[in-house]
Amino acid sequence: MIGADRVISAACRYSERLPVYLLLLAIIYLAFISLGLPDSLVGAGWPVMHEDLGVPVSFAGGITFIIAVGTIISSLASERLTRRFGAGLVTTVSVAMTAAALLGFSTATRFWMLCLWAVPYGLGAGAVDAALNNYVALHYNARHMNWLHSFWGVGASISPFVMSLALSADGDWPAAYRGIGLLQVGLAAVLLASLPLWRRVAAVRPGEPTAEGGTTPAAETAGVGRGDADAVGGADGQVSIRTALRIPGVPSVLLAFFCYCAFEQTAMLWGATFFVSDRGFEASAAASFGALFILGLTAGRFLCGFFADRVGDRQLIRGGFLLGAVGAVIVALPLGQVSFVGFALAGIGAAPVYPAVIHSTPANFGRANSQAIIGIQMAAAYTGTTIMPPLFGFLSGRVGLWLLPFYLLALALLGLVMTERLNRLPRRPV
């Protein structure tokens, strides 16, 4: 009877605060759009920006490298920051940092100024990415993780159009940064006002400890993977990078995540060039075919949200890598213009992998360890996107762009092998 009373009491508390849960979810959706908004600005505006700044076109790599280093550093520090200040405050401050950086970009008249503002942009982007992903993995269902990352794609798809409008107005690329920066300022203000909601949702979300120290119904009726019983942090509860890397399965998931993010970024960066140089398409058509990958990515994540909870993270990851590999094979075949279908399939296949890997982290490694491991996963992701696309450029310069589908196929298969190794590890219930 006592156990039943606790279940009923917890269920009542959760139902009373359901509007709070939904309100915070809406704010997090806005935050994910905001994450995607700045990601395409440099690439979309650089053809004009480098001329205005008087630097070679190749200098874009310097900006993206500084941003990547910042994101890796802040991702690795996210566990310490989130544990001390909470996901809500870390997200708020990080969005404010990216807003300041974007407004700084809009005032830049020299290349070194862009490099300077790239530092807070990278630090803010990495911290908010890790903090938000871990919070959603702990407190929301798999379908929301997929839809949220679909909304990231919406943001990433909007920003090139914002830059295009700015460039059409006498090449005023600073206006695009200024507009997106002001949107980020508004979001930071909303996040600041929402800080009390983060603690309230964490206290009543099913499967999580309640504020009163008990558990809500889902946690009382089922195990949740390795769980807190397997926490490996020190006396202060923090999990060091070295300790996290010793947890069984962590090296495998990091390599899988590295491969996935390298697959995604290489396809987006080199797709259009491949269709022009290797398949002989017109540049305008090739740009459209290259965009099919990110469109498939965005649409695939939206569709996966409808069945993610029923299918489960493992099946989504396995199917995603397999379909990505099939898409790469189709692109490799001598099918003429039909080969672009493979690019769309690769995008659809890639769609659920990122959200499912993140969402499965608490179940695979324990809630107490998830923030540290997700931070390392973000660092692995940014390392993959920083190293592997330029590596393909180096290799293709020596053997030809025909290598692209085989390069993507190798990344997809290695990612699949690593996730299957992780799946073979036993799960221990709480």
Protein backbone atom coordinates (compact mmCIF):
# COMPACT_ATOMS: atom_id res chain seq x y z
CA MET A 1 0.00 0.00 0.00
CA ILE A 2 2.83 2.40 0.85
CA GLY A 3 4.43 1.78 -2.52
CA ALA A 4 1.12 2.34 -4.32
CA ASP A 5 0.57 5.60 -2.41
CA ARG A 6 4.00 6.82 -3.49
CA VAL A 7 3.23 6.00 -7.13
CA ILE A 8 -0.14 7.79 -7.01
CA SER A 9 1.34 10.81 -5.23
CA ALA A 10 4.17 11.12 -7.73
CA ALA A 11 1.77 10.73 -10.67
CA CYS A 12 -0.44 13.50 -9.28
CA ARG A 13 2.52 15.83 -8.86
CA TYR A 14 3.58 15.18 -12.44
CA SER A 15 0.09 15.74 -13.90
CA GLU A 16 -0.21 19.03 -12.02
CA ARG A 17 3.06 20.27 -13.49
CA LEU A 18 2.57 18.95 -17.03
CA PRO A 19 2.05 22.50 -18.43
CA VAL A 20 5.47 23.44 -17.00
CA TYR A 21 7.01 20.43 -18.72
CA LEU A 22 5.44 21.40 -22.05
CA LEU A 23 6.38 25.07 -21.69
CA LEU A 24 10.02 24.23 -21.11
CA LEU A 25 9.91 21.79 -24.02
CA ALA A 26 8.73 24.61 -26.31
CA ILE A 27 11.61 26.78 -25.11
CA ILE A 28 14.09 23.97 -25.77
CA TYR A 29 12.69 23.62 -29.30
CA LEU A 30 13.44 27.30 -29.84
CA ALA A 31 16.93 26.75 -28.44
CA PHE A 32 17.60 23.98 -30.96
CA ILE A 33 16.52 26.24 -33.84
CA SER A 34 18.91 28.80 -32.41
CA LEU A 35 21.73 26.22 -32.37
CA GLY A 36 21.33 25.71 -36.11
CA LEU A 37 20.84 29.32 -37.15
CA PRO A 38 24.51 30.46 -37.11
CA ASP A 39 25.99 27.21 -38.46
CA SER A 40 25.62 28.05 -42.15
CA LEU A 41 26.35 31.77 -42.03
CA VAL A 42 30.10 31.63 -42.63
CA GLY A 43 29.80 29.28 -45.60
CA ALA A 44 26.90 31.19 -47.14
CA GLY A 45 28.49 34.61 -46.80
CA TRP A 46 32.19 33.84 -47.31
CA PRO A 47 32.30 34.44 -51.11
CA VAL A 48 31.59 38.12 -50.36
CA MET A 49 33.10 38.34 -46.87
CA HIS A 50 36.62 37.32 -47.90
CA GLU A 51 36.68 39.99 -50.63
CA ASP A 52 35.50 42.71 -48.24
CA LEU A 53 38.08 41.65 -45.66
CA GLY A 54 40.86 41.35 -48.24
CA VAL A 55 41.87 37.75 -47.49
CA PRO A 56 42.12 34.61 -49.65
CA VAL A 57 39.07 32.36 -49.85
CA SER A 58 41.00 29.61 -48.05
CA PHE A 59 41.06 31.68 -44.84
CA ALA A 60 37.54 30.44 -44.03
CA GLY A 61 39.22 27.32 -42.69
CA GLY A 62 40.95 29.41 -40.05
CA ILE A 63 37.66 30.67 -38.64
CA THR A 64 36.03 27.26 -38.61
CA PHE A 65 39.13 25.78 -36.96
CA ILE A 66 39.03 28.33 -34.12
CA ILE A 67 35.32 27.67 -33.62
CA ALA A 68 35.93 23.91 -33.59
CA VAL A 69 38.71 24.19 -30.99
CA GLY A 70 36.42 26.28 -28.78
CA THR A 71 33.57 23.80 -29.06
CA ILE A 72 35.84 20.87 -28.18
CA ILE A 73 37.18 22.67 -25.10
CA SER A 74 33.76 23.70 -23.81
CA SER A 75 32.27 20.27 -24.57
CA LEU A 76 34.93 18.62 -22.43
CA ALA A 77 34.26 21.13 -19.64
CA SER A 78 30.47 20.82 -19.86
CA GLU A 79 30.13 18.14 -17.17
CA ARG A 80 31.88 20.28 -14.56
CA LEU A 81 29.97 23.41 -15.56
CA THR A 82 26.56 21.73 -15.72
CA ARG A 83 27.01 19.92 -12.42
CA ARG A 84 27.94 23.19 -10.70
CA PHE A 85 25.55 25.65 -12.33
CA GLY A 86 22.76 23.53 -13.85
CA ALA A 87 21.76 22.93 -17.46
CA GLY A 88 19.46 25.95 -17.58
CA LEU A 89 22.08 28.50 -16.55
CA VAL A 90 24.80 26.94 -18.72
CA THR A 91 22.45 27.06 -21.71
CA THR A 92 21.47 30.67 -21.01
CA VAL A 93 25.04 31.92 -20.66
CA SER A 94 26.19 29.92 -23.69
CA VAL A 95 23.46 31.38 -25.92
CA ALA A 96 24.37 34.86 -24.64
CA MET A 97 28.00 34.19 -25.60
CA THR A 98 27.04 33.13 -29.12
CA ALA A 99 24.77 36.18 -29.42
CA ALA A 100 27.65 38.48 -28.43
CA ALA A 101 29.96 36.72 -30.90
CA LEU A 102 27.49 37.06 -33.78
CA LEU A 103 26.99 40.75 -33.06
CA GLY A 104 30.78 41.02 -32.93
CA PHE A 105 31.03 39.39 -36.37
CA SER A 106 28.67 42.07 -37.70
CA THR A 107 31.12 44.80 -36.64
CA ALA A 108 34.27 43.11 -37.99
CA THR A 109 36.24 45.07 -40.57
CA ARG A 110 39.40 42.94 -40.41
CA PHE A 111 39.93 39.19 -40.58
CA TRP A 112 41.59 39.10 -37.17
CA MET A 113 38.39 40.51 -35.68
CA LEU A 114 36.43 37.53 -37.00
CA CYS A 115 39.03 35.23 -35.46
CA LEU A 116 38.68 37.03 -32.13
CA TRP A 117 34.90 36.73 -32.05
CA ALA A 118 35.12 33.10 -33.15
CA VAL A 119 36.52 32.26 -29.69
CA PRO A 120 33.37 33.05 -27.63
CA TYR A 121 31.23 31.65 -30.43
CA GLY A 122 32.97 28.26 -30.26
CA LEU A 123 33.01 28.16 -26.46
CA GLY A 124 29.32 29.01 -26.26
CA ALA A 125 28.24 26.61 -29.00
CA GLY A 126 30.00 23.59 -27.48
CA ALA A 127 28.69 24.15 -23.95
CA VAL A 128 25.08 24.68 -24.98
CA ASP A 129 25.15 21.68 -27.31
CA ALA A 130 26.37 19.29 -24.59
CA ALA A 131 24.17 20.72 -21.82
CA LEU A 132 20.96 20.73 -23.88
CA ASN A 133 21.50 17.27 -25.34
CA ASN A 134 22.12 15.73 -21.94
CA TYR A 135 19.11 17.47 -20.36
CA VAL A 136 16.81 16.23 -23.13
CA ALA A 137 18.27 12.71 -22.95
CA LEU A 138 17.51 12.60 -19.22
CA HIS A 139 14.10 14.24 -19.12
CA TYR A 140 12.36 13.76 -22.50
CA ASN A 141 11.40 10.87 -24.76
CA ALA A 142 13.29 9.69 -27.84
CA ARG A 143 10.72 11.23 -30.18
CA HIS A 144 11.52 14.69 -28.83
CA MET A 145 15.25 14.13 -29.28
CA ASN A 146 14.63 13.42 -32.99
CA TRP A 147 12.24 16.32 -33.46
CA LEU A 148 14.57 18.69 -31.62
CA HIS A 149 17.45 17.80 -33.92
CA SER A 150 15.09 18.21 -36.85
CA PHE A 151 14.51 21.75 -35.61
CA TRP A 152 18.28 22.24 -35.62
CA GLY A 153 18.07 21.44 -39.35
CA VAL A 154 15.34 24.07 -39.71
CA GLY A 155 17.66 26.66 -38.19
CA ALA A 156 20.60 25.55 -40.34
CA SER A 157 18.37 25.77 -43.44
CA ILE A 158 17.07 29.26 -42.60
CA SER A 159 20.40 31.02 -42.12
CA PRO A 160 21.57 30.75 -45.78
CA PHE A 161 18.35 32.48 -46.85
CA VAL A 162 18.96 35.22 -44.25
CA MET A 163 22.46 35.70 -45.65
CA SER A 164 21.10 35.67 -49.21
CA LEU A 165 18.66 38.48 -48.37
CA ALA A 166 21.45 40.46 -46.73
CA LEU A 167 23.79 40.00 -49.70
CA SER A 168 21.08 41.05 -52.13
CA ALA A 169 20.97 44.38 -50.27
CA ASP A 170 24.31 45.72 -51.59
CA GLY A 171 26.31 42.82 -50.19
CA ASP A 172 25.53 43.78 -46.59
CA TRP A 173 26.68 40.52 -44.97
CA PRO A 174 27.03 42.14 -41.50
CA ALA A 175 23.24 42.60 -41.50
CA ALA A 176 22.78 38.82 -41.53
CA TYR A 177 25.01 38.39 -38.49
CA ARG A 178 23.32 41.31 -36.78
CA GLY A 179 19.84 39.89 -37.39
CA ILE A 180 20.72 36.37 -36.18
CA GLY A 181 22.63 37.87 -33.24
CA LEU A 182 19.59 39.88 -32.14
CA LEU A 183 17.45 36.74 -32.35
CA GLN A 184 19.96 35.01 -30.07
CA VAL A 185 19.78 37.92 -27.62
CA GLY A 186 16.01 37.49 -27.47
CA LEU A 187 16.38 33.76 -26.89
CA ALA A 188 18.90 34.36 -24.11
CA ALA A 189 16.36 36.63 -22.41
CA VAL A 190 13.67 33.93 -22.69
CA LEU A 191 16.06 31.32 -21.30
CA LEU A 192 16.95 33.59 -18.39
CA ALA A 193 13.28 33.97 -17.52
CA SER A 194 12.78 30.20 -17.80
CA LEU A 195 15.48 29.17 -15.28
CA PRO A 196 12.97 28.12 -12.56
CA LEU A 197 11.28 25.75 -15.04
CA TRP A 198 14.41 23.61 -15.51
CA ARG A 199 14.50 22.60 -11.85
CA ARG A 200 10.76 21.97 -11.69
CA VAL A 201 10.78 19.69 -14.73
CA ALA A 202 13.81 17.78 -13.43
CA ALA A 203 11.96 17.20 -10.16
CA VAL A 204 8.87 15.55 -11.66
CA ARG A 205 9.85 13.96 -14.96
CA PRO A 206 8.91 10.21 -14.91
CA GLY A 207 11.92 8.00 -14.33
CA GLU A 208 13.87 10.71 -12.51
CA PRO A 209 14.40 11.33 -8.77
CA THR A 210 11.82 13.69 -7.34
CA ALA A 211 12.55 16.75 -5.28
CA GLU A 212 11.42 14.84 -2.20
CA GLY A 213 14.03 12.14 -2.72
CA GLY A 214 11.66 9.39 -3.94
CA THR A 215 11.11 8.18 -7.48
CA THR A 216 8.33 8.76 -9.95
CA PRO A 217 6.28 5.84 -11.32
CA ALA A 218 8.46 4.93 -14.28
CA ALA A 219 11.50 4.55 -12.10
CA GLU A 220 9.65 2.39 -9.60
CA THR A 221 8.43 -0.08 -12.18
CA ALA A 222 11.43 -0.53 -14.46
CA GLY A 223 15.22 -0.41 -14.55
CA VAL A 224 16.93 2.26 -16.59
CA GLY A 225 20.11 0.67 -17.84
CA ARG A 226 23.29 0.87 -15.85
CA GLY A 227 21.90 3.75 -13.80
CA ASP A 228 23.28 5.66 -10.85
CA ALA A 229 24.37 2.50 -9.14
CA ASP A 230 27.21 2.47 -11.65
CA ALA A 231 28.27 6.07 -11.21
CA VAL A 232 32.05 6.37 -11.40
CA GLY A 233 32.57 9.95 -10.25
CA GLY A 234 34.79 11.03 -7.43
CA ALA A 235 33.77 12.26 -4.00
CA ASP A 236 32.35 15.46 -5.52
CA GLY A 237 30.32 13.46 -8.04
CA GLN A 238 32.30 14.69 -11.02
CA VAL A 239 33.45 12.24 -13.69
CA SER A 240 36.87 13.00 -15.11
CA ILE A 241 37.63 12.45 -18.78
CA ARG A 242 40.17 9.75 -17.93
CA THR A 243 37.65 7.95 -15.72
CA ALA A 244 34.89 8.20 -18.32
CA LEU A 245 37.13 6.71 -20.99
CA ARG A 246 37.65 3.64 -18.81
CA ILE A 247 33.91 2.87 -18.71
CA PRO A 248 33.23 -0.19 -20.92
CA GLY A 249 31.77 0.87 -24.25
CA VAL A 250 32.74 4.55 -24.11
CA PRO A 251 35.66 4.27 -26.60
CA SER A 252 33.36 2.42 -29.01
CA VAL A 253 30.58 5.01 -28.86
CA LEU A 254 33.09 7.85 -29.24
CA LEU A 255 34.53 6.32 -32.41
CA ALA A 256 31.03 5.65 -33.73
CA PHE A 257 30.03 9.27 -33.07
CA PHE A 258 33.26 10.49 -34.66
CA CYS A 259 32.47 8.46 -37.79
CA TYR A 260 28.86 9.62 -37.96
CA CYS A 261 29.68 13.32 -37.67
CA ALA A 262 32.52 12.95 -40.18
CA PHE A 263 30.05 11.22 -42.54
CA GLU A 264 27.53 14.04 -42.17
CA GLN A 265 29.94 16.94 -42.58
CA THR A 266 31.89 15.39 -45.46
CA ALA A 267 28.69 14.72 -47.38
CA MET A 268 27.41 18.26 -46.85
CA LEU A 269 30.73 19.91 -47.73
CA TRP A 270 31.76 17.86 -50.77
CA GLY A 271 28.48 16.63 -52.25
CA ALA A 272 27.88 19.43 -54.74
CA THR A 273 31.55 19.47 -55.83
CA PHE A 274 31.40 15.70 -56.41
CA PHE A 275 28.38 15.97 -58.70
CA VAL A 276 30.00 18.76 -60.74
CA SER A 277 33.53 17.40 -61.02
CA ASP A 278 32.92 13.64 -61.15
CA ARG A 279 29.44 13.35 -62.66
CA GLY A 280 29.45 16.40 -64.93
CA PHE A 281 26.29 18.07 -63.60
CA GLU A 282 25.65 21.77 -63.98
CA ALA A 283 26.61 23.76 -60.87
CA SER A 284 23.02 24.82 -60.16
CA ALA A 285 21.74 21.25 -60.38
CA ALA A 286 24.64 19.96 -58.32
CA ALA A 287 23.87 22.48 -55.56
CA SER A 288 20.32 21.17 -55.43
CA PHE A 289 21.46 17.55 -55.33
CA GLY A 290 23.95 18.37 -52.58
CA ALA A 291 21.15 20.01 -50.58
CA LEU A 292 19.21 16.73 -50.74
CA PHE A 293 21.42 15.35 -47.98
CA ILE A 294 20.52 18.00 -45.42
CA LEU A 295 16.88 17.96 -46.53
CA GLY A 296 16.83 14.18 -46.02
CA LEU A 297 18.51 14.68 -42.67
CA THR A 298 15.90 17.19 -41.50
CA ALA A 299 12.88 15.32 -42.87
CA GLY A 300 14.20 11.97 -41.61
CA ARG A 301 14.53 13.25 -38.05
CA PHE A 302 11.02 14.65 -38.15
CA LEU A 303 9.59 11.33 -39.37
CA CYS A 304 11.64 9.27 -36.90
CA GLY A 305 10.09 11.20 -34.06
CA PHE A 306 6.76 9.45 -34.69
CA PHE A 307 8.11 5.95 -34.07
CA ALA A 308 11.38 6.47 -32.17
CA ASP A 309 9.90 5.42 -28.81
CA ARG A 310 8.50 2.17 -30.27
CA VAL A 311 11.54 1.22 -32.34
CA GLY A 312 14.18 2.13 -29.77
CA ASP A 313 17.56 3.83 -30.00
CA ARG A 314 19.55 0.71 -30.90
CA GLN A 315 17.43 -0.11 -33.94
CA LEU A 316 17.44 3.51 -35.09
CA ILE A 317 21.25 3.67 -34.91
CA ARG A 318 21.68 0.31 -36.65
CA GLY A 319 19.17 1.14 -39.40
CA GLY A 320 20.59 4.63 -39.83
CA PHE A 321 24.14 3.47 -40.44
CA LEU A 322 22.93 0.71 -42.77
CA LEU A 323 20.77 3.06 -44.86
CA GLY A 324 23.62 5.58 -44.97
CA ALA A 325 25.88 2.82 -46.32
CA VAL A 326 23.26 1.82 -48.92
CA GLY A 327 22.99 5.45 -50.03
CA ALA A 328 26.77 5.66 -50.45
CA VAL A 329 26.76 2.49 -52.56
CA ILE A 330 24.04 3.92 -54.83
CA VAL A 331 26.07 7.11 -55.31
CA ALA A 332 29.12 4.99 -56.22
CA LEU A 333 27.26 3.05 -58.94
CA PRO A 334 27.41 4.36 -62.55
CA LEU A 335 23.75 5.37 -62.62
CA GLY A 336 24.10 8.85 -64.11
CA GLN A 337 21.71 11.40 -62.68
CA VAL A 338 19.87 8.71 -60.71
CA SER A 339 22.84 8.58 -58.34
CA PHE A 340 21.55 11.68 -56.57
CA VAL A 341 18.85 9.44 -55.03
CA GLY A 342 21.62 7.78 -53.05
CA PHE A 343 22.55 11.14 -51.56
CA ALA A 344 18.99 11.67 -50.35
CA LEU A 345 18.91 8.14 -48.89
CA ALA A 346 22.21 8.77 -47.12
CA GLY A 347 20.71 11.87 -45.51
CA ILE A 348 17.56 10.03 -44.43
CA GLY A 349 19.66 7.19 -43.04
CA ALA A 350 21.92 9.54 -41.14
CA ALA A 351 18.92 11.34 -39.62
CA PRO A 352 18.28 9.26 -36.46
CA VAL A 353 21.88 8.38 -35.59
CA TYR A 354 22.93 11.56 -33.79
CA PRO A 355 19.73 11.92 -31.68
CA ALA A 356 19.63 8.19 -30.85
CA VAL A 357 23.27 8.01 -29.77
CA ILE A 358 22.75 10.98 -27.45
CA HIS A 359 19.40 9.76 -26.12
CA SER A 360 20.76 6.28 -25.36
CA THR A 361 23.73 7.60 -23.34
CA PRO A 362 22.02 7.62 -19.90
CA ALA A 363 20.71 4.08 -20.47
CA ASN A 364 24.07 2.81 -21.70
CA PHE A 365 26.32 4.44 -19.12
CA GLY A 366 24.14 5.70 -16.27
CA ARG A 367 22.45 9.01 -15.59
CA ALA A 368 25.19 10.16 -13.22
CA ASN A 369 27.81 9.63 -15.94
CA SER A 370 25.80 10.91 -18.91
CA GLN A 371 26.77 14.59 -18.83
CA ALA A 372 30.49 13.79 -18.80
CA ILE A 373 30.14 11.22 -21.59
CA ILE A 374 27.90 13.41 -23.73
CA GLY A 375 30.45 16.21 -23.36
CA ILE A 376 33.17 13.86 -24.63
CA GLN A 377 30.85 12.72 -27.42
CA MET A 378 30.41 16.35 -28.50
CA ALA A 379 34.20 16.74 -28.52
CA ALA A 380 34.50 13.59 -30.64
CA ALA A 381 31.84 14.96 -32.99
CA TYR A 382 33.61 18.27 -33.49
CA THR A 383 36.93 16.48 -33.94
CA GLY A 384 35.39 14.36 -36.68
CA THR A 385 33.87 17.35 -38.46
CA THR A 386 37.15 19.27 -38.19
CA ILE A 387 39.55 16.55 -39.38
CA MET A 388 37.75 14.24 -41.77
CA PRO A 389 36.34 16.61 -44.45
CA PRO A 390 39.77 18.25 -45.01
CA LEU A 391 41.33 14.77 -45.04
CA PHE A 392 38.97 13.82 -47.85
CA GLY A 393 39.95 16.99 -49.69
CA PHE A 394 43.61 16.00 -49.37
CA LEU A 395 42.97 12.44 -50.59
CA SER A 396 40.66 13.45 -53.43
CA GLY A 397 43.28 15.89 -54.69
CA ARG A 398 45.55 12.90 -55.28
CA VAL A 399 43.16 10.14 -56.39
CA GLY A 400 40.06 12.03 -57.55
CA LEU A 401 36.62 13.00 -56.26
CA TRP A 402 35.26 9.58 -57.28
CA LEU A 403 36.50 8.53 -53.84
CA LEU A 404 33.64 10.33 -52.02
CA PRO A 405 31.03 7.51 -51.87
CA PHE A 406 33.67 4.98 -50.82
CA TYR A 407 34.92 7.34 -48.13
CA LEU A 408 31.36 7.75 -46.83
CA LEU A 409 30.78 3.99 -47.01
CA ALA A 410 33.88 3.30 -44.90
CA LEU A 411 32.74 5.81 -42.25
CA ALA A 412 29.22 4.34 -42.11
CA LEU A 413 30.45 0.75 -41.79
CA LEU A 414 33.01 1.61 -39.10
CA GLY A 415 30.34 3.48 -37.15
CA LEU A 416 28.04 0.47 -37.43
CA VAL A 417 30.75 -1.92 -36.20
CA MET A 418 31.48 0.29 -33.17
CA THR A 419 27.83 0.59 -32.14
CA GLU A 420 27.34 -3.17 -32.47
CA ARG A 421 30.31 -3.67 -30.14
CA LEU A 422 28.60 -1.39 -27.65
CA ASN A 423 25.34 -3.29 -28.00
CA ARG A 424 27.01 -6.55 -27.00
CA LEU A 425 27.91 -5.18 -23.57
CA PRO A 426 25.51 -6.28 -20.79
CA ARG A 427 23.12 -3.83 -19.22
CA ARG A 428 22.67 -3.97 -15.47
CA PRO A 429 19.35 -2.78 -14.02
CA VAL A 430 19.33 -0.37 -11.12
